[in-house]
Amino acid sequence: MAKLFAYGTLKDTEIQQNIFGRILKGSPDSLIGYSLTHIQIEEEFGMATYPIIVETGNPDDIINGLLYEITDEDVQLADTYEGLHYKRIEVNLESKQTAWAYIVTN
């Protein structure tokens, strides 16, 4: 099993149903030392805005999200969903747990 920290669209139950075929059960957690910003991604019908986290190293910067326990297969499905604009990294959460999270691809 893997852990996934979601702060944006992956928290949406409709998106979870489409990606994983089920609604995930998550628990609140926080990511310290990151800030939330947005990126523009060109889609079929124009530009869309999506949230993205950026590491700041500042302990006053906190992202609140949900921590999910998912399968290794689910991780691959999430990678496919996030596409080329996001990459998966390991992060340490306020709860002292390590999880996957998605940041912008450089």
PDB file of N, CA and C in Angstrom:
ATOM      1  N   MET A   1       0.836  -1.184   0.000  1.00  0.00           N
ATOM      2  CA  MET A   1       0.000   0.000   0.000  1.00  0.00           C
ATOM      3  C   MET A   1       0.880   1.246   0.000  1.00  0.00           C
ATOM      4  N   ALA A   2       0.349   2.295  -0.593  1.00  0.00           N
ATOM      5  CA  ALA A   2       1.050   3.580  -0.671  1.00  0.00           C
ATOM      6  C   ALA A   2       0.164   4.647  -0.045  1.00  0.00           C
ATOM      7  N   LYS A   3       0.777   5.787   0.249  1.00  0.00           N
ATOM      8  CA  LYS A   3       0.021   6.912   0.785  1.00  0.00           C
ATOM      9  C   LYS A   3       0.116   8.064  -0.197  1.00  0.00           C
ATOM     10  N   LEU A   4      -1.014   8.752  -0.367  1.00  0.00           N
ATOM     11  CA  LEU A   4      -1.112   9.865  -1.297  1.00  0.00           C
ATOM     12  C   LEU A   4      -1.666  11.076  -0.566  1.00  0.00           C
ATOM     13  N   PHE A   5      -0.933  12.196  -0.643  1.00  0.00           N
ATOM     14  CA  PHE A   5      -1.410  13.455  -0.086  1.00  0.00           C
ATOM     15  C   PHE A   5      -2.050  14.247  -1.212  1.00  0.00           C
ATOM     16  N   ALA A   6      -3.336  14.534  -1.077  1.00  0.00           N
ATOM     17  CA  ALA A   6      -4.081  15.270  -2.108  1.00  0.00           C
ATOM     18  C   ALA A   6      -4.464  16.640  -1.573  1.00  0.00           C
ATOM     19  N   TYR A   7      -4.265  17.652  -2.417  1.00  0.00           N
ATOM     20  CA  TYR A   7      -4.562  19.034  -2.034  1.00  0.00           C
ATOM     21  C   TYR A   7      -5.426  19.737  -3.070  1.00  0.00           C
ATOM     22  N   GLY A   8      -5.685  19.081  -4.193  1.00  0.00           N
ATOM     23  CA  GLY A   8      -6.424  19.716  -5.282  1.00  0.00           C
ATOM     24  C   GLY A   8      -7.488  18.793  -5.835  1.00  0.00           C
ATOM     25  N   THR A   9      -7.441  18.585  -7.139  1.00  0.00           N
ATOM     26  CA  THR A   9      -8.503  17.844  -7.813  1.00  0.00           C
ATOM     27  C   THR A   9      -8.618  16.387  -7.368  1.00  0.00           C
ATOM     28  N   LEU A  10      -7.534  15.805  -6.875  1.00  0.00           N
ATOM     29  CA  LEU A  10      -7.611  14.410  -6.421  1.00  0.00           C
ATOM     30  C   LEU A  10      -8.460  14.240  -5.159  1.00  0.00           C
ATOM     31  N   LYS A  11      -8.854  15.342  -4.518  1.00  0.00           N
ATOM     32  CA  LYS A  11      -9.778  15.267  -3.385  1.00  0.00           C
ATOM     33  C   LYS A  11     -11.221  15.171  -3.856  1.00  0.00           C
ATOM     34  N   ASP A  12     -11.481  15.489  -5.103  1.00  0.00           N
ATOM     35  CA  ASP A  12     -12.831  15.512  -5.658  1.00  0.00           C
ATOM     36  C   ASP A  12     -13.343  14.083  -5.840  1.00  0.00           C
ATOM     37  N   THR A  13     -14.495  13.780  -5.228  1.00  0.00           N
ATOM     38  CA  THR A  13     -15.008  12.411  -5.276  1.00  0.00           C
ATOM     39  C   THR A  13     -15.387  11.966  -6.692  1.00  0.00           C
ATOM     40  N   GLU A  14     -15.865  12.887  -7.516  1.00  0.00           N
ATOM     41  CA  GLU A  14     -16.207  12.527  -8.896  1.00  0.00           C
ATOM     42  C   GLU A  14     -14.940  12.153  -9.675  1.00  0.00           C
ATOM     43  N   ILE A  15     -13.877  12.891  -9.471  1.00  0.00           N
ATOM     44  CA  ILE A  15     -12.606  12.571 -10.131  1.00  0.00           C
ATOM     45  C   ILE A  15     -12.064  11.248  -9.613  1.00  0.00           C
ATOM     46  N   GLN A  16     -12.145  11.018  -8.303  1.00  0.00           N
ATOM     47  CA  GLN A  16     -11.705   9.734  -7.746  1.00  0.00           C
ATOM     48  C   GLN A  16     -12.466   8.575  -8.371  1.00  0.00           C
ATOM     49  N   GLN A  17     -13.772   8.740  -8.508  1.00  0.00           N
ATOM     50  CA  GLN A  17     -14.595   7.683  -9.107  1.00  0.00           C
ATOM     51  C   GLN A  17     -14.136   7.403 -10.535  1.00  0.00           C
ATOM     52  N   ASN A  18     -13.833   8.454 -11.288  1.00  0.00           N
ATOM     53  CA  ASN A  18     -13.384   8.285 -12.674  1.00  0.00           C
ATOM     54  C   ASN A  18     -12.001   7.648 -12.767  1.00  0.00           C
ATOM     55  N   ILE A  19     -11.095   8.016 -11.870  1.00  0.00           N
ATOM     56  CA  ILE A  19      -9.719   7.504 -11.935  1.00  0.00           C
ATOM     57  C   ILE A  19      -9.604   6.108 -11.339  1.00  0.00           C
ATOM     58  N   PHE A  20     -10.109   5.954 -10.115  1.00  0.00           N
ATOM     59  CA  PHE A  20      -9.882   4.735  -9.342  1.00  0.00           C
ATOM     60  C   PHE A  20     -11.064   3.764  -9.353  1.00  0.00           C
ATOM     61  N   GLY A  21     -12.225   4.228  -9.839  1.00  0.00           N
ATOM     62  CA  GLY A  21     -13.410   3.379  -9.841  1.00  0.00           C
ATOM     63  C   GLY A  21     -14.084   3.299  -8.488  1.00  0.00           C
ATOM     64  N   ARG A  22     -13.680   4.189  -7.581  1.00  0.00           N
ATOM     65  CA  ARG A  22     -14.268   4.216  -6.244  1.00  0.00           C
ATOM     66  C   ARG A  22     -13.936   5.563  -5.601  1.00  0.00           C
ATOM     67  N   ILE A  23     -14.621   5.844  -4.498  1.00  0.00           N
ATOM     68  CA  ILE A  23     -14.339   7.044  -3.720  1.00  0.00           C
ATOM     69  C   ILE A  23     -13.384   6.652  -2.600  1.00  0.00           C
ATOM     70  N   LEU A  24     -12.298   7.399  -2.476  1.00  0.00           N
ATOM     71  CA  LEU A  24     -11.284   7.107  -1.470  1.00  0.00           C
ATOM     72  C   LEU A  24     -11.699   7.664  -0.113  1.00  0.00           C
ATOM     73  N   LYS A  25     -11.227   6.998   0.946  1.00  0.00           N
ATOM     74  CA  LYS A  25     -11.452   7.490   2.302  1.00  0.00           C
ATOM     75  C   LYS A  25     -10.151   8.111   2.785  1.00  0.00           C
ATOM     76  N   GLY A  26     -10.200   9.414   3.077  1.00  0.00           N
ATOM     77  CA  GLY A  26      -9.000  10.113   3.486  1.00  0.00           C
ATOM     78  C   GLY A  26      -9.121  10.696   4.879  1.00  0.00           C
ATOM     79  N   SER A  27      -7.969  11.068   5.416  1.00  0.00           N
ATOM     80  CA  SER A  27      -7.934  11.744   6.710  1.00  0.00           C
ATOM     81  C   SER A  27      -7.187  13.063   6.544  1.00  0.00           C
ATOM     82  N   PRO A  28      -7.605  14.098   7.256  1.00  0.00           N
ATOM     83  CA  PRO A  28      -6.945  15.401   7.130  1.00  0.00           C
ATOM     84  C   PRO A  28      -5.477  15.319   7.545  1.00  0.00           C
ATOM     85  N   ASP A  29      -4.643  16.019   6.808  1.00  0.00           N
ATOM     86  CA  ASP A  29      -3.222  16.118   7.131  1.00  0.00           C
ATOM     87  C   ASP A  29      -2.716  17.403   6.504  1.00  0.00           C
ATOM     88  N   SER A  30      -1.492  17.776   6.835  1.00  0.00           N
ATOM     89  CA  SER A  30      -0.930  19.027   6.332  1.00  0.00           C
ATOM     90  C   SER A  30       0.502  18.823   5.869  1.00  0.00           C
ATOM     91  N   LEU A  31       0.875  19.635   4.915  1.00  0.00           N
ATOM     92  CA  LEU A  31       2.228  19.634   4.363  1.00  0.00           C
ATOM     93  C   LEU A  31       2.856  20.976   4.725  1.00  0.00           C
ATOM     94  N   ILE A  32       3.929  20.931   5.481  1.00  0.00           N
ATOM     95  CA  ILE A  32       4.574  22.145   5.977  1.00  0.00           C
ATOM     96  C   ILE A  32       5.774  22.475   5.093  1.00  0.00           C
ATOM     97  N   GLY A  33       5.947  23.782   4.829  1.00  0.00           N
ATOM     98  CA  GLY A  33       7.081  24.228   4.025  1.00  0.00           C
ATOM     99  C   GLY A  33       6.780  24.289   2.537  1.00  0.00           C
ATOM    100  N   TYR A  34       5.506  24.291   2.197  1.00  0.00           N
ATOM    101  CA  TYR A  34       5.064  24.392   0.806  1.00  0.00           C
ATOM    102  C   TYR A  34       3.978  25.448   0.724  1.00  0.00           C
ATOM    103  N   SER A  35       3.871  26.089  -0.432  1.00  0.00           N
ATOM    104  CA  SER A  35       2.770  27.022  -0.669  1.00  0.00           C
ATOM    105  C   SER A  35       1.984  26.557  -1.883  1.00  0.00           C
ATOM    106  N   LEU A  36       0.755  27.030  -1.967  1.00  0.00           N
ATOM    107  CA  LEU A  36      -0.141  26.646  -3.053  1.00  0.00           C
ATOM    108  C   LEU A  36      -0.183  27.770  -4.078  1.00  0.00           C
ATOM    109  N   THR A  37      -0.005  27.409  -5.325  1.00  0.00           N
ATOM    110  CA  THR A  37      -0.120  28.354  -6.427  1.00  0.00           C
ATOM    111  C   THR A  37      -0.925  27.657  -7.517  1.00  0.00           C
ATOM    112  N   HIS A  38      -0.950  28.233  -8.701  1.00  0.00           N
ATOM    113  CA  HIS A  38      -1.731  27.640  -9.793  1.00  0.00           C
ATOM    114  C   HIS A  38      -0.941  27.665 -11.086  1.00  0.00           C
ATOM    115  N   ILE A  39      -1.245  26.709 -11.942  1.00  0.00           N
ATOM    116  CA  ILE A  39      -0.654  26.674 -13.275  1.00  0.00           C
ATOM    117  C   ILE A  39      -1.768  26.645 -14.307  1.00  0.00           C
ATOM    118  N   GLN A  40      -1.441  27.094 -15.496  1.00  0.00           N
ATOM    119  CA  GLN A  40      -2.360  27.054 -16.628  1.00  0.00           C
ATOM    120  C   GLN A  40      -1.986  25.863 -17.503  1.00  0.00           C
ATOM    121  N   ILE A  41      -2.962  25.058 -17.846  1.00  0.00           N
ATOM    122  CA  ILE A  41      -2.738  23.897 -18.707  1.00  0.00           C
ATOM    123  C   ILE A  41      -3.704  23.984 -19.879  1.00  0.00           C
ATOM    124  N   GLU A  42      -3.161  23.847 -21.070  1.00  0.00           N
ATOM    125  CA  GLU A  42      -4.006  23.867 -22.257  1.00  0.00           C
ATOM    126  C   GLU A  42      -4.732  22.538 -22.378  1.00  0.00           C
ATOM    127  N   GLU A  43      -6.052  22.632 -22.507  1.00  0.00           N
ATOM    128  CA  GLU A  43      -6.894  21.454 -22.659  1.00  0.00           C
ATOM    129  C   GLU A  43      -7.637  21.547 -23.979  1.00  0.00           C
ATOM    130  N   GLU A  44      -8.439  20.559 -24.236  1.00  0.00           N
ATOM    131  CA  GLU A  44      -9.157  20.465 -25.502  1.00  0.00           C
ATOM    132  C   GLU A  44      -9.976  21.716 -25.817  1.00  0.00           C
ATOM    133  N   PHE A  45     -10.584  22.317 -24.803  1.00  0.00           N
ATOM    134  CA  PHE A  45     -11.473  23.460 -25.030  1.00  0.00           C
ATOM    135  C   PHE A  45     -10.896  24.772 -24.517  1.00  0.00           C
ATOM    136  N   GLY A  46      -9.567  24.857 -24.376  1.00  0.00           N
ATOM    137  CA  GLY A  46      -8.929  26.093 -23.933  1.00  0.00           C
ATOM    138  C   GLY A  46      -8.059  25.884 -22.710  1.00  0.00           C
ATOM    139  N   MET A  47      -7.689  26.988 -22.090  1.00  0.00           N
ATOM    140  CA  MET A  47      -6.815  26.950 -20.931  1.00  0.00           C
ATOM    141  C   MET A  47      -7.623  26.684 -19.658  1.00  0.00           C
ATOM    142  N   ALA A  48      -7.027  25.899 -18.758  1.00  0.00           N
ATOM    143  CA  ALA A  48      -7.648  25.610 -17.466  1.00  0.00           C
ATOM    144  C   ALA A  48      -6.624  25.881 -16.368  1.00  0.00           C
ATOM    145  N   THR A  49      -7.101  26.276 -15.208  1.00  0.00           N
ATOM    146  CA  THR A  49      -6.243  26.571 -14.069  1.00  0.00           C
ATOM    147  C   THR A  49      -6.319  25.433 -13.061  1.00  0.00           C
ATOM    148  N   TYR A  50      -5.143  24.972 -12.607  1.00  0.00           N
ATOM    149  CA  TYR A  50      -5.064  23.884 -11.640  1.00  0.00           C
ATOM    150  C   TYR A  50      -4.140  24.271 -10.494  1.00  0.00           C
ATOM    151  N   PRO A  51      -4.431  23.766  -9.278  1.00  0.00           N
ATOM    152  CA  PRO A  51      -3.548  24.048  -8.150  1.00  0.00           C
ATOM    153  C   PRO A  51      -2.247  23.258  -8.253  1.00  0.00           C
ATOM    154  N   ILE A  52      -1.209  23.823  -7.678  1.00  0.00           N
ATOM    155  CA  ILE A  52       0.093  23.153  -7.634  1.00  0.00           C
ATOM    156  C   ILE A  52       0.820  23.614  -6.378  1.00  0.00           C
ATOM    157  N   ILE A  53       1.588  22.728  -5.773  1.00  0.00           N
ATOM    158  CA  ILE A  53       2.362  23.106  -4.601  1.00  0.00           C
ATOM    159  C   ILE A  53       3.800  23.391  -5.004  1.00  0.00           C
ATOM    160  N   VAL A  54       4.401  24.323  -4.260  1.00  0.00           N
ATOM    161  CA  VAL A  54       5.784  24.715  -4.490  1.00  0.00           C
ATOM    162  C   VAL A  54       6.491  24.691  -3.141  1.00  0.00           C
ATOM    163  N   GLU A  55       7.645  24.033  -3.093  1.00  0.00           N
ATOM    164  CA  GLU A  55       8.397  23.983  -1.837  1.00  0.00           C
ATOM    165  C   GLU A  55       8.994  25.349  -1.538  1.00  0.00           C
ATOM    166  N   THR A  56       8.775  25.816  -0.298  1.00  0.00           N
ATOM    167  CA  THR A  56       9.326  27.100   0.127  1.00  0.00           C
ATOM    168  C   THR A  56      10.362  26.933   1.232  1.00  0.00           C
ATOM    169  N   GLY A  57      10.253  25.847   1.998  1.00  0.00           N
ATOM    170  CA  GLY A  57      11.120  25.649   3.146  1.00  0.00           C
ATOM    171  C   GLY A  57      10.718  26.489   4.349  1.00  0.00           C
ATOM    172  N   ASN A  58       9.695  27.327   4.204  1.00  0.00           N
ATOM    173  CA  ASN A  58       9.226  28.201   5.275  1.00  0.00           C
ATOM    174  C   ASN A  58       8.210  27.431   6.129  1.00  0.00           C
ATOM    175  N   PRO A  59       8.491  27.229   7.433  1.00  0.00           N
ATOM    176  CA  PRO A  59       7.562  26.468   8.271  1.00  0.00           C
ATOM    177  C   PRO A  59       6.209  27.152   8.469  1.00  0.00           C
ATOM    178  N   ASP A  60       6.117  28.426   8.109  1.00  0.00           N
ATOM    179  CA  ASP A  60       4.831  29.116   8.195  1.00  0.00           C
ATOM    180  C   ASP A  60       3.918  28.811   7.016  1.00  0.00           C
ATOM    181  N   ASP A  61       4.477  28.236   5.952  1.00  0.00           N
ATOM    182  CA  ASP A  61       3.687  27.853   4.772  1.00  0.00           C
ATOM    183  C   ASP A  61       3.132  26.453   4.984  1.00  0.00           C
ATOM    184  N   ILE A  62       1.819  26.331   4.963  1.00  0.00           N
ATOM    185  CA  ILE A  62       1.158  25.056   5.247  1.00  0.00           C
ATOM    186  C   ILE A  62       0.069  24.809   4.202  1.00  0.00           C
ATOM    187  N   ILE A  63       0.056  23.598   3.659  1.00  0.00           N
ATOM    188  CA  ILE A  63      -0.994  23.157   2.738  1.00  0.00           C
ATOM    189  C   ILE A  63      -1.842  22.131   3.471  1.00  0.00           C
ATOM    190  N   ASN A  64      -3.125  22.396   3.582  1.00  0.00           N
ATOM    191  CA  ASN A  64      -4.045  21.431   4.170  1.00  0.00           C
ATOM    192  C   ASN A  64      -4.605  20.554   3.063  1.00  0.00           C
ATOM    193  N   GLY A  65      -4.677  19.269   3.341  1.00  0.00           N
ATOM    194  CA  GLY A  65      -5.191  18.339   2.345  1.00  0.00           C
ATOM    195  C   GLY A  65      -5.700  17.079   3.007  1.00  0.00           C
ATOM    196  N   LEU A  66      -5.786  16.036   2.208  1.00  0.00           N
ATOM    197  CA  LEU A  66      -6.248  14.742   2.700  1.00  0.00           C
ATOM    198  C   LEU A  66      -5.206  13.681   2.377  1.00  0.00           C
ATOM    199  N   LEU A  67      -5.026  12.767   3.311  1.00  0.00           N
ATOM    200  CA  LEU A  67      -4.105  11.651   3.137  1.00  0.00           C
ATOM    201  C   LEU A  67      -4.915  10.393   2.859  1.00  0.00           C
ATOM    202  N   TYR A  68      -4.580   9.747   1.749  1.00  0.00           N
ATOM    203  CA  TYR A  68      -5.269   8.526   1.347  1.00  0.00           C
ATOM    204  C   TYR A  68      -4.296   7.358   1.336  1.00  0.00           C
ATOM    205  N   GLU A  69      -4.791   6.193   1.680  1.00  0.00           N
ATOM    206  CA  GLU A  69      -4.018   4.964   1.512  1.00  0.00           C
ATOM    207  C   GLU A  69      -4.525   4.308   0.241  1.00  0.00           C
ATOM    208  N   ILE A  70      -3.609   4.093  -0.713  1.00  0.00           N
ATOM    209  CA  ILE A  70      -3.990   3.569  -2.019  1.00  0.00           C
ATOM    210  C   ILE A  70      -3.067   2.421  -2.406  1.00  0.00           C
ATOM    211  N   THR A  71      -3.457   1.693  -3.426  1.00  0.00           N
ATOM    212  CA  THR A  71      -2.642   0.580  -3.907  1.00  0.00           C
ATOM    213  C   THR A  71      -1.563   1.088  -4.869  1.00  0.00           C
ATOM    214  N   ASP A  72      -0.597   0.239  -5.148  1.00  0.00           N
ATOM    215  CA  ASP A  72       0.434   0.589  -6.123  1.00  0.00           C
ATOM    216  C   ASP A  72      -0.190   0.814  -7.507  1.00  0.00           C
ATOM    217  N   GLU A  73      -1.219   0.050  -7.828  1.00  0.00           N
ATOM    218  CA  GLU A  73      -1.934   0.254  -9.091  1.00  0.00           C
ATOM    219  C   GLU A  73      -2.595   1.631  -9.117  1.00  0.00           C
ATOM    220  N   ASP A  74      -3.164   2.040  -7.976  1.00  0.00           N
ATOM    221  CA  ASP A  74      -3.768   3.369  -7.878  1.00  0.00           C
ATOM    222  C   ASP A  74      -2.738   4.472  -8.110  1.00  0.00           C
ATOM    223  N   VAL A  75      -1.517   4.267  -7.629  1.00  0.00           N
ATOM    224  CA  VAL A  75      -0.451   5.254  -7.837  1.00  0.00           C
ATOM    225  C   VAL A  75      -0.218   5.444  -9.334  1.00  0.00           C
ATOM    226  N   GLN A  76      -0.181   4.352 -10.081  1.00  0.00           N
ATOM    227  CA  GLN A  76       0.025   4.439 -11.529  1.00  0.00           C
ATOM    228  C   GLN A  76      -1.155   5.145 -12.204  1.00  0.00           C
ATOM    229  N   LEU A  77      -2.361   4.877 -11.733  1.00  0.00           N
ATOM    230  CA  LEU A  77      -3.542   5.553 -12.280  1.00  0.00           C
ATOM    231  C   LEU A  77      -3.487   7.054 -12.002  1.00  0.00           C
ATOM    232  N   ALA A  78      -3.046   7.423 -10.796  1.00  0.00           N
ATOM    233  CA  ALA A  78      -2.911   8.839 -10.453  1.00  0.00           C
ATOM    234  C   ALA A  78      -1.838   9.499 -11.314  1.00  0.00           C
ATOM    235  N   ASP A  79      -0.723   8.799 -11.560  1.00  0.00           N
ATOM    236  CA  ASP A  79       0.332   9.326 -12.430  1.00  0.00           C
ATOM    237  C   ASP A  79      -0.220   9.630 -13.820  1.00  0.00           C
ATOM    238  N   THR A  80      -1.001   8.723 -14.341  1.00  0.00           N
ATOM    239  CA  THR A  80      -1.591   8.914 -15.666  1.00  0.00           C
ATOM    240  C   THR A  80      -2.535  10.113 -15.655  1.00  0.00           C
ATOM    241  N   TYR A  81      -3.354  10.224 -14.622  1.00  0.00           N
ATOM    242  CA  TYR A  81      -4.284  11.349 -14.505  1.00  0.00           C
ATOM    243  C   TYR A  81      -3.531  12.676 -14.450  1.00  0.00           C
ATOM    244  N   GLU A  82      -2.482  12.747 -13.668  1.00  0.00           N
ATOM    245  CA  GLU A  82      -1.746  14.008 -13.496  1.00  0.00           C
ATOM    246  C   GLU A  82      -0.994  14.405 -14.763  1.00  0.00           C
ATOM    247  N   GLY A  83      -0.631  13.453 -15.578  1.00  0.00           N
ATOM    248  CA  GLY A  83      -0.056  13.754 -16.885  1.00  0.00           C
ATOM    249  C   GLY A  83       1.346  14.348 -16.846  1.00  0.00           C
ATOM    250  N   LEU A  84       1.679  15.066 -17.906  1.00  0.00           N
ATOM    251  CA  LEU A  84       3.025  15.570 -18.104  1.00  0.00           C
ATOM    252  C   LEU A  84       3.350  16.820 -17.290  1.00  0.00           C
ATOM    253  N   HIS A  85       2.346  17.511 -16.784  1.00  0.00           N
ATOM    254  CA  HIS A  85       2.579  18.780 -16.095  1.00  0.00           C
ATOM    255  C   HIS A  85       2.911  18.615 -14.614  1.00  0.00           C
ATOM    256  N   TYR A  86       2.685  17.426 -14.072  1.00  0.00           N
ATOM    257  CA  TYR A  86       2.933  17.154 -12.664  1.00  0.00           C
ATOM    258  C   TYR A  86       3.890  15.973 -12.543  1.00  0.00           C
ATOM    259  N   LYS A  87       4.696  15.997 -11.463  1.00  0.00           N
ATOM    260  CA  LYS A  87       5.511  14.825 -11.154  1.00  0.00           C
ATOM    261  C   LYS A  87       5.295  14.460  -9.697  1.00  0.00           C
ATOM    262  N   ARG A  88       5.462  13.188  -9.416  1.00  0.00           N
ATOM    263  CA  ARG A  88       5.219  12.650  -8.076  1.00  0.00           C
ATOM    264  C   ARG A  88       6.514  12.685  -7.273  1.00  0.00           C
ATOM    265  N   ILE A  89       6.409  13.210  -6.032  1.00  0.00           N
ATOM    266  CA  ILE A  89       7.546  13.214  -5.122  1.00  0.00           C
ATOM    267  C   ILE A  89       7.103  12.701  -3.754  1.00  0.00           C
ATOM    268  N   GLU A  90       8.064  12.276  -2.939  1.00  0.00           N
ATOM    269  CA  GLU A  90       7.765  11.910  -1.560  1.00  0.00           C
ATOM    270  C   GLU A  90       7.835  13.151  -0.689  1.00  0.00           C
ATOM    271  N   VAL A  91       6.855  13.289   0.195  1.00  0.00           N
ATOM    272  CA  VAL A  91       6.831  14.409   1.126  1.00  0.00           C
ATOM    273  C   VAL A  91       6.609  13.878   2.542  1.00  0.00           C
ATOM    274  N   ASN A  92       7.071  14.656   3.512  1.00  0.00           N
ATOM    275  CA  ASN A  92       6.847  14.340   4.918  1.00  0.00           C
ATOM    276  C   ASN A  92       5.757  15.253   5.437  1.00  0.00           C
ATOM    277  N   LEU A  93       4.732  14.637   5.989  1.00  0.00           N
ATOM    278  CA  LEU A  93       3.558  15.382   6.437  1.00  0.00           C
ATOM    279  C   LEU A  93       3.644  15.750   7.914  1.00  0.00           C
ATOM    280  N   GLU A  94       2.773  16.656   8.316  1.00  0.00           N
ATOM    281  CA  GLU A  94       2.726  17.093   9.710  1.00  0.00           C
ATOM    282  C   GLU A  94       2.509  15.907  10.647  1.00  0.00           C
ATOM    283  N   SER A  95       1.780  14.892  10.196  1.00  0.00           N
ATOM    284  CA  SER A  95       1.501  13.695  11.002  1.00  0.00           C
ATOM    285  C   SER A  95       2.713  12.782  11.125  1.00  0.00           C
ATOM    286  N   LYS A  96       3.839  13.185  10.526  1.00  0.00           N
ATOM    287  CA  LYS A  96       5.093  12.409  10.514  1.00  0.00           C
ATOM    288  C   LYS A  96       5.030  11.227   9.560  1.00  0.00           C
ATOM    289  N   GLN A  97       4.013  11.174   8.728  1.00  0.00           N
ATOM    290  CA  GLN A  97       3.913  10.128   7.723  1.00  0.00           C
ATOM    291  C   GLN A  97       4.536  10.613   6.416  1.00  0.00           C
ATOM    292  N   THR A  98       5.021   9.673   5.632  1.00  0.00           N
ATOM    293  CA  THR A  98       5.559   9.968   4.311  1.00  0.00           C
ATOM    294  C   THR A  98       4.514   9.572   3.281  1.00  0.00           C
ATOM    295  N   ALA A  99       4.338  10.428   2.285  1.00  0.00           N
ATOM    296  CA  ALA A  99       3.328  10.164   1.255  1.00  0.00           C
ATOM    297  C   ALA A  99       3.803  10.698  -0.082  1.00  0.00           C
ATOM    298  N   TRP A 100       3.139  10.262  -1.135  1.00  0.00           N
ATOM    299  CA  TRP A 100       3.347  10.819  -2.459  1.00  0.00           C
ATOM    300  C   TRP A 100       2.534  12.099  -2.577  1.00  0.00           C
ATOM    301  N   ALA A 101       3.066  13.074  -3.294  1.00  0.00           N
ATOM    302  CA  ALA A 101       2.332  14.286  -3.637  1.00  0.00           C
ATOM    303  C   ALA A 101       2.798  14.700  -5.022  1.00  0.00           C
ATOM    304  N   TYR A 102       2.022  15.523  -5.695  1.00  0.00           N
ATOM    305  CA  TYR A 102       2.354  15.961  -7.038  1.00  0.00           C
ATOM    306  C   TYR A 102       2.739  17.433  -7.048  1.00  0.00           C
ATOM    307  N   ILE A 103       3.893  17.708  -7.683  1.00  0.00           N
ATOM    308  CA  ILE A 103       4.366  19.077  -7.869  1.00  0.00           C
ATOM    309  C   ILE A 103       4.525  19.331  -9.354  1.00  0.00           C
ATOM    310  N   VAL A 104       4.778  20.567  -9.712  1.00  0.00           N
ATOM    311  CA  VAL A 104       4.908  20.922 -11.125  1.00  0.00           C
ATOM    312  C   VAL A 104       6.172  20.299 -11.713  1.00  0.00           C
ATOM    313  N   THR A 105       6.070  19.856 -12.950  1.00  0.00           N
ATOM    314  CA  THR A 105       7.232  19.350 -13.674  1.00  0.00           C
ATOM    315  C   THR A 105       7.991  20.544 -14.234  1.00  0.00           C
ATOM    316  N   ASN A 106       9.283  20.556 -14.042  1.00  0.00           N
ATOM    317  CA  ASN A 106      10.092  21.678 -14.565  1.00  0.00           C
ATOM    318  C   ASN A 106      10.488  21.440 -16.001  1.00  0.00           C
TER     319      ASN A 106
END
